[in-house]
Amino acid sequence: MTDAAAARAANQPPQKQDVQVVIPIAYGTQARPLTEAERAKHKDHTTAWTVYVRGPSGESLAYAVDRVIFHLHESIVPPVRTIVAPAPFEVHETGWGEFDIGIEVVFRGSGAAGLQPVKLTAPLKLFPESVDTAVYPALVGLKQVDPARPGWLVTEKYDEVVVSEPSAELYDAVVANVDRSWPIRGTVWGTFSNLLC
């Protein structure tokens, strides 16, 4: 091992070898028409919206996520927003147009462990698809409406981030906070093939 490689190895936090953790995440946008009072305050805007990254039941991911970087449309000032834990990983804005929002999720202990940020895209939808926009306020019954968020048009995705050989910090945080998280030893296919026999 060269001196440079030994120095890099000495600066890295301990990692869990031959282990994977699964971090469930939900990310997306929610939008609703502005009230008359809000429209008076936000000239030329029609909609209030939020982009977010959270757990599948709406819980905070601050136990595993260090920060989330949102890349908004260039016309929004500032177009890049970095939200650092423990704050909710969300941005609230108003506007009038739809666009794709780039999201980078940076996990705890990832820099020194060499884990790159997870890159996601959340489409900002202000109007329901396949519905006459004249009935936009009557969103009840549409597939994109969440009963827990009445009046909001929700465009959300669920995903599971699999981290191989996580830092000890990330591993401990996930195991302590995620019910469905488990260490997988060996190959995933080997584990599943054992179940099939």
C-alpha atoms as a PDB file:
ATOM      1  CA  MET A   1       0.000   0.000   0.000  1.00  0.00           C
ATOM      2  CA  THR A   2       1.354   3.413  -0.948  1.00  0.00           C
ATOM      3  CA  ASP A   3       1.656   6.211   1.596  1.00  0.00           C
ATOM      4  CA  ALA A   4      -1.207   8.089  -0.107  1.00  0.00           C
ATOM      5  CA  ALA A   5      -3.499   5.012  -0.013  1.00  0.00           C
ATOM      6  CA  ALA A   6      -2.644   4.410   3.643  1.00  0.00           C
ATOM      7  CA  ALA A   7      -3.467   8.045   4.474  1.00  0.00           C
ATOM      8  CA  ARG A   8      -6.850   7.781   2.692  1.00  0.00           C
ATOM      9  CA  ALA A   9      -7.665   4.548   4.517  1.00  0.00           C
ATOM     10  CA  ALA A  10      -6.754   6.097   7.877  1.00  0.00           C
ATOM     11  CA  ASN A  11      -9.146   9.044   7.257  1.00  0.00           C
ATOM     12  CA  GLN A  12     -12.148   6.877   6.349  1.00  0.00           C
ATOM     13  CA  PRO A  13     -14.690   5.986   9.013  1.00  0.00           C
ATOM     14  CA  PRO A  14     -15.198   2.295   9.730  1.00  0.00           C
ATOM     15  CA  GLN A  15     -17.484   0.566   7.258  1.00  0.00           C
ATOM     16  CA  LYS A  16     -19.656  -2.498   7.685  1.00  0.00           C
ATOM     17  CA  GLN A  17     -18.135  -5.072   5.360  1.00  0.00           C
ATOM     18  CA  ASP A  18     -20.369  -7.420   3.322  1.00  0.00           C
ATOM     19  CA  VAL A  19     -23.546  -5.739   4.607  1.00  0.00           C
ATOM     20  CA  GLN A  20     -26.341  -3.820   2.896  1.00  0.00           C
ATOM     21  CA  VAL A  21     -28.984  -1.555   4.407  1.00  0.00           C
ATOM     22  CA  VAL A  22     -32.258  -0.500   2.824  1.00  0.00           C
ATOM     23  CA  ILE A  23     -33.574   3.033   3.345  1.00  0.00           C
ATOM     24  CA  PRO A  24     -37.208   3.544   2.249  1.00  0.00           C
ATOM     25  CA  ILE A  25     -37.935   7.036   0.924  1.00  0.00           C
ATOM     26  CA  ALA A  26     -40.853   8.963  -0.522  1.00  0.00           C
ATOM     27  CA  TYR A  27     -40.228  12.022  -2.646  1.00  0.00           C
ATOM     28  CA  GLY A  28     -42.361  14.242  -4.780  1.00  0.00           C
ATOM     29  CA  THR A  29     -44.420  17.383  -4.970  1.00  0.00           C
ATOM     30  CA  GLN A  30     -47.778  18.612  -3.792  1.00  0.00           C
ATOM     31  CA  ALA A  31     -49.636  21.633  -5.184  1.00  0.00           C
ATOM     32  CA  ARG A  32     -52.848  23.557  -4.537  1.00  0.00           C
ATOM     33  CA  PRO A  33     -54.461  26.687  -5.980  1.00  0.00           C
ATOM     34  CA  LEU A  34     -53.638  29.929  -4.174  1.00  0.00           C
ATOM     35  CA  THR A  35     -56.399  31.591  -2.181  1.00  0.00           C
ATOM     36  CA  GLU A  36     -57.513  35.085  -3.218  1.00  0.00           C
ATOM     37  CA  ALA A  37     -55.481  36.593  -0.354  1.00  0.00           C
ATOM     38  CA  GLU A  38     -52.382  34.636  -1.439  1.00  0.00           C
ATOM     39  CA  ARG A  39     -52.886  35.684  -5.080  1.00  0.00           C
ATOM     40  CA  ALA A  40     -52.854  39.333  -4.025  1.00  0.00           C
ATOM     41  CA  LYS A  41     -49.521  38.755  -2.279  1.00  0.00           C
ATOM     42  CA  HIS A  42     -47.884  36.674  -5.073  1.00  0.00           C
ATOM     43  CA  LYS A  43     -48.477  38.582  -8.300  1.00  0.00           C
ATOM     44  CA  ASP A  44     -48.892  36.403 -11.424  1.00  0.00           C
ATOM     45  CA  HIS A  45     -48.684  33.173  -9.403  1.00  0.00           C
ATOM     46  CA  THR A  46     -51.528  30.657  -9.358  1.00  0.00           C
ATOM     47  CA  THR A  47     -50.332  27.796  -7.194  1.00  0.00           C
ATOM     48  CA  ALA A  48     -48.611  27.034  -3.878  1.00  0.00           C
ATOM     49  CA  TRP A  49     -46.369  23.980  -4.033  1.00  0.00           C
ATOM     50  CA  THR A  50     -43.949  21.921  -1.981  1.00  0.00           C
ATOM     51  CA  VAL A  51     -41.188  19.530  -3.031  1.00  0.00           C
ATOM     52  CA  TYR A  52     -40.026  17.058  -0.390  1.00  0.00           C
ATOM     53  CA  VAL A  53     -38.019  13.988   0.581  1.00  0.00           C
ATOM     54  CA  ARG A  54     -39.306  12.043   3.594  1.00  0.00           C
ATOM     55  CA  GLY A  55     -40.049   8.574   4.863  1.00  0.00           C
ATOM     56  CA  PRO A  56     -42.928   6.600   3.328  1.00  0.00           C
ATOM     57  CA  SER A  57     -45.258   7.500   6.215  1.00  0.00           C
ATOM     58  CA  GLY A  58     -44.233  11.166   6.211  1.00  0.00           C
ATOM     59  CA  GLU A  59     -41.545  10.734   8.872  1.00  0.00           C
ATOM     60  CA  SER A  60     -38.239  12.586   8.855  1.00  0.00           C
ATOM     61  CA  LEU A  61     -35.193  10.921   7.314  1.00  0.00           C
ATOM     62  CA  ALA A  62     -32.793  13.034   9.388  1.00  0.00           C
ATOM     63  CA  TYR A  63     -31.521   9.879  11.098  1.00  0.00           C
ATOM     64  CA  ALA A  64     -29.920   8.756   7.804  1.00  0.00           C
ATOM     65  CA  VAL A  65     -29.796  11.853   5.585  1.00  0.00           C
ATOM     66  CA  ASP A  66     -27.245  14.623   6.135  1.00  0.00           C
ATOM     67  CA  ARG A  67     -28.709  17.036   3.582  1.00  0.00           C
ATOM     68  CA  VAL A  68     -30.902  17.293   0.504  1.00  0.00           C
ATOM     69  CA  ILE A  69     -30.127  19.602  -2.405  1.00  0.00           C
ATOM     70  CA  PHE A  70     -33.094  20.728  -4.523  1.00  0.00           C
ATOM     71  CA  HIS A  71     -32.436  22.069  -8.039  1.00  0.00           C
ATOM     72  CA  LEU A  72     -35.408  24.290  -8.907  1.00  0.00           C
ATOM     73  CA  HIS A  73     -36.182  26.120 -12.154  1.00  0.00           C
ATOM     74  CA  GLU A  74     -33.616  28.815 -12.963  1.00  0.00           C
ATOM     75  CA  SER A  75     -36.292  31.542 -12.728  1.00  0.00           C
ATOM     76  CA  ILE A  76     -36.752  30.839  -8.994  1.00  0.00           C
ATOM     77  CA  VAL A  77     -34.328  32.701  -6.740  1.00  0.00           C
ATOM     78  CA  PRO A  78     -32.233  31.031  -5.477  1.00  0.00           C
ATOM     79  CA  PRO A  79     -32.590  28.051  -7.838  1.00  0.00           C
ATOM     80  CA  VAL A  80     -30.513  25.679  -5.666  1.00  0.00           C
ATOM     81  CA  ARG A  81     -31.695  25.056  -2.097  1.00  0.00           C
ATOM     82  CA  THR A  82     -29.765  22.952   0.396  1.00  0.00           C
ATOM     83  CA  ILE A  83     -31.716  21.713   3.403  1.00  0.00           C
ATOM     84  CA  VAL A  84     -29.540  20.352   6.226  1.00  0.00           C
ATOM     85  CA  ALA A  85     -30.715  17.872   8.875  1.00  0.00           C
ATOM     86  CA  PRO A  86     -32.611  17.965  11.172  1.00  0.00           C
ATOM     87  CA  ALA A  87     -34.883  20.414   9.279  1.00  0.00           C
ATOM     88  CA  PRO A  88     -37.669  18.862   7.191  1.00  0.00           C
ATOM     89  CA  PHE A  89     -36.264  18.148   3.722  1.00  0.00           C
ATOM     90  CA  GLU A  90     -38.733  20.284   1.803  1.00  0.00           C
ATOM     91  CA  VAL A  91     -39.034  23.557  -0.085  1.00  0.00           C
ATOM     92  CA  HIS A  92     -42.234  25.652  -0.202  1.00  0.00           C
ATOM     93  CA  GLU A  93     -42.819  28.045  -3.108  1.00  0.00           C
ATOM     94  CA  THR A  94     -45.500  29.599  -5.299  1.00  0.00           C
ATOM     95  CA  GLY A  95     -45.559  29.756  -9.070  1.00  0.00           C
ATOM     96  CA  TRP A  96     -47.472  29.230 -12.278  1.00  0.00           C
ATOM     97  CA  GLY A  97     -45.577  26.624 -14.329  1.00  0.00           C
ATOM     98  CA  GLU A  98     -44.641  22.952 -14.228  1.00  0.00           C
ATOM     99  CA  PHE A  99     -41.062  21.649 -14.432  1.00  0.00           C
ATOM    100  CA  ASP A 100     -38.846  18.787 -13.245  1.00  0.00           C
ATOM    101  CA  ILE A 101     -37.015  19.290  -9.946  1.00  0.00           C
ATOM    102  CA  GLY A 102     -33.608  17.669  -9.503  1.00  0.00           C
ATOM    103  CA  ILE A 103     -32.945  16.244  -6.047  1.00  0.00           C
ATOM    104  CA  GLU A 104     -29.663  15.060  -4.511  1.00  0.00           C
ATOM    105  CA  VAL A 105     -29.857  13.085  -1.264  1.00  0.00           C
ATOM    106  CA  VAL A 106     -26.608  13.019   0.736  1.00  0.00           C
ATOM    107  CA  PHE A 107     -26.493  10.320   3.409  1.00  0.00           C
ATOM    108  CA  ARG A 108     -24.726  10.550   6.781  1.00  0.00           C
ATOM    109  CA  GLY A 109     -21.092   9.475   6.677  1.00  0.00           C
ATOM    110  CA  SER A 110     -21.204   9.242   2.892  1.00  0.00           C
ATOM    111  CA  GLY A 111     -18.390  11.634   1.978  1.00  0.00           C
ATOM    112  CA  ALA A 112     -15.583   9.785   3.678  1.00  0.00           C
ATOM    113  CA  ALA A 113     -17.111   6.405   2.808  1.00  0.00           C
ATOM    114  CA  GLY A 114     -17.192   7.276  -0.898  1.00  0.00           C
ATOM    115  CA  LEU A 115     -20.996   7.034  -1.197  1.00  0.00           C
ATOM    116  CA  GLN A 116     -22.188   9.369  -3.931  1.00  0.00           C
ATOM    117  CA  PRO A 117     -25.389  11.401  -3.479  1.00  0.00           C
ATOM    118  CA  VAL A 118     -28.525   9.674  -4.759  1.00  0.00           C
ATOM    119  CA  LYS A 119     -29.958  11.697  -7.660  1.00  0.00           C
ATOM    120  CA  LEU A 120     -33.721  11.808  -8.160  1.00  0.00           C
ATOM    121  CA  THR A 121     -36.195  13.773 -10.260  1.00  0.00           C
ATOM    122  CA  ALA A 122     -39.599  14.957  -9.040  1.00  0.00           C
ATOM    123  CA  PRO A 123     -41.983  16.391 -11.632  1.00  0.00           C
ATOM    124  CA  LEU A 124     -43.868  19.432 -10.342  1.00  0.00           C
ATOM    125  CA  LYS A 125     -47.472  18.986 -11.490  1.00  0.00           C
ATOM    126  CA  LEU A 126     -49.849  21.877 -10.913  1.00  0.00           C
ATOM    127  CA  PHE A 127     -52.866  20.407 -12.694  1.00  0.00           C
ATOM    128  CA  PRO A 128     -54.282  16.882 -12.654  1.00  0.00           C
ATOM    129  CA  GLU A 129     -53.698  14.759 -15.734  1.00  0.00           C
ATOM    130  CA  SER A 130     -56.656  13.677 -17.904  1.00  0.00           C
ATOM    131  CA  VAL A 131     -59.004  16.119 -16.226  1.00  0.00           C
ATOM    132  CA  ASP A 132     -60.528  19.336 -17.522  1.00  0.00           C
ATOM    133  CA  THR A 133     -58.676  22.133 -15.727  1.00  0.00           C
ATOM    134  CA  ALA A 134     -61.967  23.997 -15.334  1.00  0.00           C
ATOM    135  CA  VAL A 135     -62.838  21.534 -12.552  1.00  0.00           C
ATOM    136  CA  TYR A 136     -59.437  21.807 -10.887  1.00  0.00           C
ATOM    137  CA  PRO A 137     -60.842  22.814  -7.448  1.00  0.00           C
ATOM    138  CA  ALA A 138     -62.975  19.641  -7.415  1.00  0.00           C
ATOM    139  CA  LEU A 139     -60.089  17.221  -6.947  1.00  0.00           C
ATOM    140  CA  VAL A 140     -61.914  14.744  -4.682  1.00  0.00           C
ATOM    141  CA  GLY A 141     -61.901  11.244  -6.135  1.00  0.00           C
ATOM    142  CA  LEU A 142     -58.917  11.706  -8.440  1.00  0.00           C
ATOM    143  CA  LYS A 143     -56.114   9.172  -8.218  1.00  0.00           C
ATOM    144  CA  GLN A 144     -53.516  11.870  -7.501  1.00  0.00           C
ATOM    145  CA  VAL A 145     -55.329  13.194  -4.420  1.00  0.00           C
ATOM    146  CA  ASP A 146     -54.230  12.006  -0.999  1.00  0.00           C
ATOM    147  CA  PRO A 147     -57.111  11.961   1.531  1.00  0.00           C
ATOM    148  CA  ALA A 148     -54.625  13.007   4.211  1.00  0.00           C
ATOM    149  CA  ARG A 149     -53.883  16.173   2.173  1.00  0.00           C
ATOM    150  CA  PRO A 150     -57.286  17.398   0.908  1.00  0.00           C
ATOM    151  CA  GLY A 151     -57.101  20.041  -1.798  1.00  0.00           C
ATOM    152  CA  TRP A 152     -53.513  19.161  -2.724  1.00  0.00           C
ATOM    153  CA  LEU A 153     -52.524  17.549  -6.022  1.00  0.00           C
ATOM    154  CA  VAL A 154     -49.896  14.974  -4.985  1.00  0.00           C
ATOM    155  CA  THR A 155     -47.252  13.539  -7.321  1.00  0.00           C
ATOM    156  CA  GLU A 156     -45.171  11.161  -5.235  1.00  0.00           C
ATOM    157  CA  LYS A 157     -42.784   8.263  -5.743  1.00  0.00           C
ATOM    158  CA  TYR A 158     -41.634   5.546  -3.365  1.00  0.00           C
ATOM    159  CA  ASP A 159     -38.180   4.029  -3.594  1.00  0.00           C
ATOM    160  CA  GLU A 160     -35.755   2.012  -1.513  1.00  0.00           C
ATOM    161  CA  VAL A 161     -32.118   3.045  -1.489  1.00  0.00           C
ATOM    162  CA  VAL A 162     -29.803   0.065  -1.017  1.00  0.00           C
ATOM    163  CA  VAL A 163     -26.410   0.972   0.437  1.00  0.00           C
ATOM    164  CA  SER A 164     -23.693  -1.670   0.264  1.00  0.00           C
ATOM    165  CA  GLU A 165     -20.990  -1.556   2.923  1.00  0.00           C
ATOM    166  CA  PRO A 166     -22.355   1.572   4.645  1.00  0.00           C
ATOM    167  CA  SER A 167     -20.408   3.584   7.162  1.00  0.00           C
ATOM    168  CA  ALA A 168     -20.857   2.380  10.724  1.00  0.00           C
ATOM    169  CA  GLU A 169     -22.709   5.649  11.480  1.00  0.00           C
ATOM    170  CA  LEU A 170     -25.242   5.114   8.666  1.00  0.00           C
ATOM    171  CA  TYR A 171     -25.651   1.407   9.449  1.00  0.00           C
ATOM    172  CA  ASP A 172     -26.374   2.073  13.140  1.00  0.00           C
ATOM    173  CA  ALA A 173     -28.834   4.864  12.278  1.00  0.00           C
ATOM    174  CA  VAL A 174     -30.772   2.762   9.776  1.00  0.00           C
ATOM    175  CA  VAL A 175     -30.929  -0.328  11.991  1.00  0.00           C
ATOM    176  CA  ALA A 176     -32.177   1.811  14.906  1.00  0.00           C
ATOM    177  CA  ASN A 177     -34.841   3.650  12.870  1.00  0.00           C
ATOM    178  CA  VAL A 178     -36.179   1.497  10.035  1.00  0.00           C
ATOM    179  CA  ASP A 179     -38.402  -1.449  10.857  1.00  0.00           C
ATOM    180  CA  ARG A 180     -37.962  -3.086   7.451  1.00  0.00           C
ATOM    181  CA  SER A 181     -34.200  -2.712   7.369  1.00  0.00           C
ATOM    182  CA  TRP A 182     -32.013  -5.751   7.694  1.00  0.00           C
ATOM    183  CA  PRO A 183     -28.425  -6.599   6.913  1.00  0.00           C
ATOM    184  CA  ILE A 184     -28.104  -8.884   3.900  1.00  0.00           C
ATOM    185  CA  ARG A 185     -25.072 -11.107   4.066  1.00  0.00           C
ATOM    186  CA  GLY A 186     -23.734 -12.584   0.857  1.00  0.00           C
ATOM    187  CA  THR A 187     -25.470 -12.159  -2.474  1.00  0.00           C
ATOM    188  CA  VAL A 188     -29.103 -11.107  -2.625  1.00  0.00           C
ATOM    189  CA  TRP A 189     -29.883 -13.872  -5.126  1.00  0.00           C
ATOM    190  CA  GLY A 190     -28.303 -16.464  -2.877  1.00  0.00           C
ATOM    191  CA  THR A 191     -30.573 -15.318  -0.048  1.00  0.00           C
ATOM    192  CA  PHE A 192     -33.712 -15.496  -2.221  1.00  0.00           C
ATOM    193  CA  SER A 193     -32.784 -18.837  -3.788  1.00  0.00           C
ATOM    194  CA  ASN A 194     -32.530 -20.313  -0.280  1.00  0.00           C
ATOM    195  CA  LEU A 195     -36.127 -19.221   0.328  1.00  0.00           C
ATOM    196  CA  LEU A 196     -37.336 -20.878  -2.880  1.00  0.00           C
ATOM    197  CA  CYS A 197     -35.903 -24.319  -2.058  1.00  0.00           C
END
